[in-house]
Amino acid sequence: METIIKPDIVIIKGNFYGLSSGILGGFGEVDFVFNHTIPKKVLDEFDKLDPKEYVKKVAQDNGIEGKYFGLITAVSMERLRVVKRNEVTAFITAGVKNHNQKINAGTINIILHLEANLQDSALINAIITATEAKSMALLELGYDFTGTSTDAVVVVRDRNCSKFYEYAGPESTLGKFIWEAVKEGVKRSLKD
């Protein structure tokens, strides 16, 4: 895995198989995963744009060739937190607005890179575990909601890794690492 962090994007490069809930997501083999901060001037006009075409343009502008999963956010890459727990590396950007009014506006994007081999059901399980950990982080920080309407999760595993995990729920070995990394990353991104 190779990680490139720029002021408006984090790019993770490798030989991956995974699942994305983001735009142009689903299951698939990918060479790149990215999370891009939409510039303020574009964000003001974003409702006039096609999000799928925007993600494609971001990939093209950043030299991302081949297959990819891409996420977009209004949250600054200054809030990017990278947390590693054994075979799990979490890349998280989190922003929520109007805490005093308890409105769940904002975006929390989570990218999980797993140095492990998992079957599809365990990849789905990993997304559930990450979502539960994100929700717990929000509740522990005093919010009365468990996510925002635009949150997205990508989980990728190395295609050439032989270490196999059958499960990724929060009580499994791998799931505990996911839980710890996501919960810490969300809290740090929102607090810092």
C-alpha atoms as a PDB file:
ATOM      1  CA  MET A   1       0.000   0.000   0.000  1.00  0.00           C
ATOM      2  CA  GLU A   2       1.202   3.473  -0.899  1.00  0.00           C
ATOM      3  CA  THR A   3      -0.416   6.590   0.580  1.00  0.00           C
ATOM      4  CA  ILE A   4      -0.304  10.056  -0.989  1.00  0.00           C
ATOM      5  CA  ILE A   5      -1.675  12.986   1.009  1.00  0.00           C
ATOM      6  CA  LYS A   6      -2.191  16.349  -0.675  1.00  0.00           C
ATOM      7  CA  PRO A   7      -4.029  19.457   0.612  1.00  0.00           C
ATOM      8  CA  ASP A   8      -7.321  18.359  -1.005  1.00  0.00           C
ATOM      9  CA  ILE A   9      -7.047  14.568  -1.346  1.00  0.00           C
ATOM     10  CA  VAL A  10      -5.756  11.364   0.194  1.00  0.00           C
ATOM     11  CA  ILE A  11      -4.956   8.589  -2.299  1.00  0.00           C
ATOM     12  CA  ILE A  12      -4.279   4.994  -1.314  1.00  0.00           C
ATOM     13  CA  LYS A  13      -2.650   2.898  -4.024  1.00  0.00           C
ATOM     14  CA  GLY A  14      -2.362  -0.880  -4.096  1.00  0.00           C
ATOM     15  CA  ASN A  15      -3.710  -4.175  -5.370  1.00  0.00           C
ATOM     16  CA  PHE A  16      -7.104  -4.267  -3.671  1.00  0.00           C
ATOM     17  CA  TYR A  17     -10.466  -5.985  -3.636  1.00  0.00           C
ATOM     18  CA  GLY A  18     -13.248  -4.374  -1.695  1.00  0.00           C
ATOM     19  CA  LEU A  19     -16.558  -2.696  -1.234  1.00  0.00           C
ATOM     20  CA  SER A  20     -17.624   0.944  -1.340  1.00  0.00           C
ATOM     21  CA  SER A  21     -20.851   2.657  -0.341  1.00  0.00           C
ATOM     22  CA  GLY A  22     -19.710   5.810  -2.145  1.00  0.00           C
ATOM     23  CA  ILE A  23     -20.426   7.189  -5.594  1.00  0.00           C
ATOM     24  CA  LEU A  24     -19.496   4.631  -8.293  1.00  0.00           C
ATOM     25  CA  GLY A  25     -19.157   2.089  -5.475  1.00  0.00           C
ATOM     26  CA  GLY A  26     -20.107  -1.559  -5.054  1.00  0.00           C
ATOM     27  CA  PHE A  27     -17.807  -4.596  -4.991  1.00  0.00           C
ATOM     28  CA  GLY A  28     -14.706  -4.809  -7.144  1.00  0.00           C
ATOM     29  CA  GLU A  29     -10.984  -4.989  -7.729  1.00  0.00           C
ATOM     30  CA  VAL A  30      -9.377  -1.549  -7.563  1.00  0.00           C
ATOM     31  CA  ASP A  31      -5.919  -0.037  -7.768  1.00  0.00           C
ATOM     32  CA  PHE A  32      -6.787   3.185  -5.948  1.00  0.00           C
ATOM     33  CA  VAL A  33      -9.033   4.535  -3.213  1.00  0.00           C
ATOM     34  CA  PHE A  34      -9.342   8.273  -2.601  1.00  0.00           C
ATOM     35  CA  ASN A  35     -11.155  10.832  -0.494  1.00  0.00           C
ATOM     36  CA  HIS A  36     -11.298  14.340  -1.968  1.00  0.00           C
ATOM     37  CA  THR A  37     -12.254  17.647  -0.383  1.00  0.00           C
ATOM     38  CA  ILE A  38     -14.505  19.634  -2.699  1.00  0.00           C
ATOM     39  CA  PRO A  39     -13.189  23.225  -2.936  1.00  0.00           C
ATOM     40  CA  LYS A  40     -15.480  25.895  -1.462  1.00  0.00           C
ATOM     41  CA  LYS A  41     -16.036  27.593  -4.840  1.00  0.00           C
ATOM     42  CA  VAL A  42     -17.163  24.252  -6.351  1.00  0.00           C
ATOM     43  CA  LEU A  43     -19.181  23.310  -3.266  1.00  0.00           C
ATOM     44  CA  ASP A  44     -21.299  26.458  -3.597  1.00  0.00           C
ATOM     45  CA  GLU A  45     -22.411  25.251  -7.056  1.00  0.00           C
ATOM     46  CA  PHE A  46     -22.286  21.510  -6.389  1.00  0.00           C
ATOM     47  CA  ASP A  47     -26.053  20.979  -6.690  1.00  0.00           C
ATOM     48  CA  LYS A  48     -25.690  21.845 -10.405  1.00  0.00           C
ATOM     49  CA  LEU A  49     -23.014  19.171 -10.997  1.00  0.00           C
ATOM     50  CA  ASP A  50     -23.256  15.448 -11.680  1.00  0.00           C
ATOM     51  CA  PRO A  51     -21.510  13.790  -8.688  1.00  0.00           C
ATOM     52  CA  LYS A  52     -20.444  10.761 -10.765  1.00  0.00           C
ATOM     53  CA  GLU A  53     -18.793  12.964 -13.378  1.00  0.00           C
ATOM     54  CA  TYR A  54     -17.169  15.035 -10.635  1.00  0.00           C
ATOM     55  CA  VAL A  55     -15.592  11.916  -9.071  1.00  0.00           C
ATOM     56  CA  LYS A  56     -14.323  10.841 -12.510  1.00  0.00           C
ATOM     57  CA  LYS A  57     -12.788  14.296 -13.050  1.00  0.00           C
ATOM     58  CA  VAL A  58     -11.083  14.207  -9.643  1.00  0.00           C
ATOM     59  CA  ALA A  59      -9.546  10.848 -10.555  1.00  0.00           C
ATOM     60  CA  GLN A  60      -8.378  12.138 -13.932  1.00  0.00           C
ATOM     61  CA  ASP A  61      -6.974  15.378 -12.481  1.00  0.00           C
ATOM     62  CA  ASN A  62      -4.945  13.386  -9.944  1.00  0.00           C
ATOM     63  CA  GLY A  63      -3.485  10.900 -12.419  1.00  0.00           C
ATOM     64  CA  ILE A  64      -5.556   8.029 -11.070  1.00  0.00           C
ATOM     65  CA  GLU A  65      -5.620   5.489 -13.866  1.00  0.00           C
ATOM     66  CA  GLY A  66      -7.343   2.149 -13.685  1.00  0.00           C
ATOM     67  CA  LYS A  67     -10.089   1.116 -11.318  1.00  0.00           C
ATOM     68  CA  TYR A  68     -10.835   3.063  -8.152  1.00  0.00           C
ATOM     69  CA  PHE A  69     -13.255   3.820  -5.358  1.00  0.00           C
ATOM     70  CA  GLY A  70     -13.649   7.560  -4.792  1.00  0.00           C
ATOM     71  CA  LEU A  71     -15.238   9.535  -1.988  1.00  0.00           C
ATOM     72  CA  ILE A  72     -15.944  13.264  -1.851  1.00  0.00           C
ATOM     73  CA  THR A  73     -16.474  15.522   1.141  1.00  0.00           C
ATOM     74  CA  ALA A  74     -16.768  19.140   2.207  1.00  0.00           C
ATOM     75  CA  VAL A  75     -14.504  18.325   5.174  1.00  0.00           C
ATOM     76  CA  SER A  76     -10.951  19.662   4.907  1.00  0.00           C
ATOM     77  CA  MET A  77      -8.069  17.191   4.595  1.00  0.00           C
ATOM     78  CA  GLU A  78      -6.658  19.015   7.636  1.00  0.00           C
ATOM     79  CA  ARG A  79      -9.105  16.819   9.560  1.00  0.00           C
ATOM     80  CA  LEU A  80      -7.748  13.609   8.039  1.00  0.00           C
ATOM     81  CA  ARG A  81      -6.776  11.169  10.758  1.00  0.00           C
ATOM     82  CA  VAL A  82      -4.930   7.932   9.999  1.00  0.00           C
ATOM     83  CA  VAL A  83      -5.135   5.257  12.679  1.00  0.00           C
ATOM     84  CA  LYS A  84      -3.400   1.873  12.468  1.00  0.00           C
ATOM     85  CA  ARG A  85      -4.345  -1.159  14.543  1.00  0.00           C
ATOM     86  CA  ASN A  86      -2.439  -4.306  13.546  1.00  0.00           C
ATOM     87  CA  GLU A  87      -3.812  -5.326  10.107  1.00  0.00           C
ATOM     88  CA  VAL A  88      -6.214  -2.350   9.935  1.00  0.00           C
ATOM     89  CA  THR A  89      -5.440   1.179   8.739  1.00  0.00           C
ATOM     90  CA  ALA A  90      -8.312   3.666   8.923  1.00  0.00           C
ATOM     91  CA  PHE A  91      -8.332   6.946   6.968  1.00  0.00           C
ATOM     92  CA  ILE A  92     -11.062   9.198   8.373  1.00  0.00           C
ATOM     93  CA  THR A  93     -12.356  12.697   7.699  1.00  0.00           C
ATOM     94  CA  ALA A  94     -15.184  13.799   9.964  1.00  0.00           C
ATOM     95  CA  GLY A  95     -17.181  16.978  10.176  1.00  0.00           C
ATOM     96  CA  VAL A  96     -20.580  17.685  11.688  1.00  0.00           C
ATOM     97  CA  LYS A  97     -22.308  21.039  11.922  1.00  0.00           C
ATOM     98  CA  ASN A  98     -24.612  22.724  14.409  1.00  0.00           C
ATOM     99  CA  HIS A  99     -23.665  20.631  17.434  1.00  0.00           C
ATOM    100  CA  ASN A 100     -25.640  22.972  19.726  1.00  0.00           C
ATOM    101  CA  GLN A 101     -28.796  22.394  17.696  1.00  0.00           C
ATOM    102  CA  LYS A 102     -27.997  18.681  17.348  1.00  0.00           C
ATOM    103  CA  ILE A 103     -28.518  18.736  13.586  1.00  0.00           C
ATOM    104  CA  ASN A 104     -26.781  15.864  11.814  1.00  0.00           C
ATOM    105  CA  ALA A 105     -25.369  17.826   8.879  1.00  0.00           C
ATOM    106  CA  GLY A 106     -21.849  17.161   7.647  1.00  0.00           C
ATOM    107  CA  THR A 107     -19.961  14.123   6.378  1.00  0.00           C
ATOM    108  CA  ILE A 108     -17.929  11.329   7.915  1.00  0.00           C
ATOM    109  CA  ASN A 109     -15.922   9.353   5.360  1.00  0.00           C
ATOM    110  CA  ILE A 110     -14.118   6.187   6.396  1.00  0.00           C
ATOM    111  CA  ILE A 111     -11.628   4.220   4.315  1.00  0.00           C
ATOM    112  CA  LEU A 112     -10.391   0.948   5.779  1.00  0.00           C
ATOM    113  CA  HIS A 113      -7.366  -0.848   4.377  1.00  0.00           C
ATOM    114  CA  LEU A 114      -7.088  -4.428   5.648  1.00  0.00           C
ATOM    115  CA  GLU A 115      -3.868  -6.393   5.399  1.00  0.00           C
ATOM    116  CA  ALA A 116      -5.933  -9.555   5.350  1.00  0.00           C
ATOM    117  CA  ASN A 117      -7.933 -11.887   3.159  1.00  0.00           C
ATOM    118  CA  LEU A 118     -11.695 -11.850   3.708  1.00  0.00           C
ATOM    119  CA  GLN A 119     -14.709 -13.256   1.939  1.00  0.00           C
ATOM    120  CA  ASP A 120     -17.421 -10.846   0.747  1.00  0.00           C
ATOM    121  CA  SER A 121     -19.629 -11.430   3.781  1.00  0.00           C
ATOM    122  CA  ALA A 122     -16.778 -10.382   6.094  1.00  0.00           C
ATOM    123  CA  LEU A 123     -16.219  -7.206   4.029  1.00  0.00           C
ATOM    124  CA  ILE A 124     -19.882  -6.347   4.579  1.00  0.00           C
ATOM    125  CA  ASN A 125     -19.417  -7.179   8.253  1.00  0.00           C
ATOM    126  CA  ALA A 126     -16.444  -4.757   8.327  1.00  0.00           C
ATOM    127  CA  ILE A 127     -18.652  -1.917   7.049  1.00  0.00           C
ATOM    128  CA  ILE A 128     -21.214  -2.674   9.748  1.00  0.00           C
ATOM    129  CA  THR A 129     -18.507  -2.706  12.436  1.00  0.00           C
ATOM    130  CA  ALA A 130     -17.045   0.589  11.175  1.00  0.00           C
ATOM    131  CA  THR A 131     -20.500   2.189  11.165  1.00  0.00           C
ATOM    132  CA  GLU A 132     -21.226   1.006  14.698  1.00  0.00           C
ATOM    133  CA  ALA A 133     -17.860   2.338  15.915  1.00  0.00           C
ATOM    134  CA  LYS A 134     -18.508   5.697  14.217  1.00  0.00           C
ATOM    135  CA  SER A 135     -21.916   5.862  15.888  1.00  0.00           C
ATOM    136  CA  MET A 136     -20.451   5.088  19.311  1.00  0.00           C
ATOM    137  CA  ALA A 137     -17.825   7.799  18.836  1.00  0.00           C
ATOM    138  CA  LEU A 138     -20.536  10.354  18.056  1.00  0.00           C
ATOM    139  CA  LEU A 139     -22.639   9.337  21.060  1.00  0.00           C
ATOM    140  CA  GLU A 140     -19.615   9.459  23.383  1.00  0.00           C
ATOM    141  CA  LEU A 141     -18.832  12.977  22.112  1.00  0.00           C
ATOM    142  CA  GLY A 142     -22.332  14.095  23.100  1.00  0.00           C
ATOM    143  CA  TYR A 143     -24.146  14.063  19.769  1.00  0.00           C
ATOM    144  CA  ASP A 144     -27.638  12.592  19.695  1.00  0.00           C
ATOM    145  CA  PHE A 145     -27.304  11.106  16.207  1.00  0.00           C
ATOM    146  CA  THR A 146     -25.305   8.204  14.835  1.00  0.00           C
ATOM    147  CA  GLY A 147     -24.170   9.615  11.510  1.00  0.00           C
ATOM    148  CA  THR A 148     -24.947  12.155   8.816  1.00  0.00           C
ATOM    149  CA  SER A 149     -26.942  11.780   5.613  1.00  0.00           C
ATOM    150  CA  THR A 150     -23.815  11.744   3.417  1.00  0.00           C
ATOM    151  CA  ASP A 151     -21.461   9.388   5.281  1.00  0.00           C
ATOM    152  CA  ALA A 152     -19.618   6.779   3.208  1.00  0.00           C
ATOM    153  CA  VAL A 153     -17.393   3.780   3.898  1.00  0.00           C
ATOM    154  CA  VAL A 154     -14.844   1.959   1.747  1.00  0.00           C
ATOM    155  CA  VAL A 155     -13.288  -1.318   2.872  1.00  0.00           C
ATOM    156  CA  VAL A 156     -10.472  -2.812   0.803  1.00  0.00           C
ATOM    157  CA  ARG A 157      -8.241  -5.799   1.399  1.00  0.00           C
ATOM    158  CA  ASP A 158      -4.951  -6.704  -0.214  1.00  0.00           C
ATOM    159  CA  ARG A 159      -5.558  -9.214  -3.015  1.00  0.00           C
ATOM    160  CA  ASN A 160      -2.277 -11.014  -2.397  1.00  0.00           C
ATOM    161  CA  CYS A 161      -2.561 -11.415   1.393  1.00  0.00           C
ATOM    162  CA  SER A 162      -2.730 -14.951   2.746  1.00  0.00           C
ATOM    163  CA  LYS A 163      -3.797 -14.158   6.326  1.00  0.00           C
ATOM    164  CA  PHE A 164      -7.492 -15.085   6.377  1.00  0.00           C
ATOM    165  CA  TYR A 165     -10.237 -13.762   8.623  1.00  0.00           C
ATOM    166  CA  GLU A 166     -13.668 -15.316   8.387  1.00  0.00           C
ATOM    167  CA  TYR A 167     -15.448 -12.604  10.374  1.00  0.00           C
ATOM    168  CA  ALA A 168     -15.139  -8.860  10.972  1.00  0.00           C
ATOM    169  CA  GLY A 169     -17.851  -8.226  13.576  1.00  0.00           C
ATOM    170  CA  PRO A 170     -16.906  -6.212  16.678  1.00  0.00           C
ATOM    171  CA  GLU A 171     -16.239  -9.324  18.787  1.00  0.00           C
ATOM    172  CA  SER A 172     -13.936 -10.927  16.214  1.00  0.00           C
ATOM    173  CA  THR A 173     -10.179 -10.344  16.239  1.00  0.00           C
ATOM    174  CA  LEU A 174     -10.185  -8.249  13.059  1.00  0.00           C
ATOM    175  CA  GLY A 175     -13.408  -6.506  14.057  1.00  0.00           C
ATOM    176  CA  LYS A 176     -11.884  -5.318  17.328  1.00  0.00           C
ATOM    177  CA  PHE A 177      -9.063  -3.668  15.388  1.00  0.00           C
ATOM    178  CA  ILE A 178     -11.610  -2.020  13.034  1.00  0.00           C
ATOM    179  CA  TRP A 179     -13.693  -0.825  15.999  1.00  0.00           C
ATOM    180  CA  GLU A 180     -10.704   0.688  17.804  1.00  0.00           C
ATOM    181  CA  ALA A 181      -9.266   2.395  14.712  1.00  0.00           C
ATOM    182  CA  VAL A 182     -12.555   3.902  13.531  1.00  0.00           C
ATOM    183  CA  LYS A 183     -13.722   5.052  16.952  1.00  0.00           C
ATOM    184  CA  GLU A 184     -10.399   6.737  17.674  1.00  0.00           C
ATOM    185  CA  GLY A 185     -10.173   8.267  14.186  1.00  0.00           C
ATOM    186  CA  VAL A 186     -13.686   9.731  14.259  1.00  0.00           C
ATOM    187  CA  LYS A 187     -13.153  11.219  17.714  1.00  0.00           C
ATOM    188  CA  ARG A 188      -9.779  12.693  16.807  1.00  0.00           C
ATOM    189  CA  SER A 189     -11.059  14.155  13.521  1.00  0.00           C
ATOM    190  CA  LEU A 190     -14.000  15.836  15.248  1.00  0.00           C
ATOM    191  CA  LYS A 191     -12.077  17.049  18.303  1.00  0.00           C
ATOM    192  CA  ASP A 192      -8.825  18.336  16.791  1.00  0.00           C
END
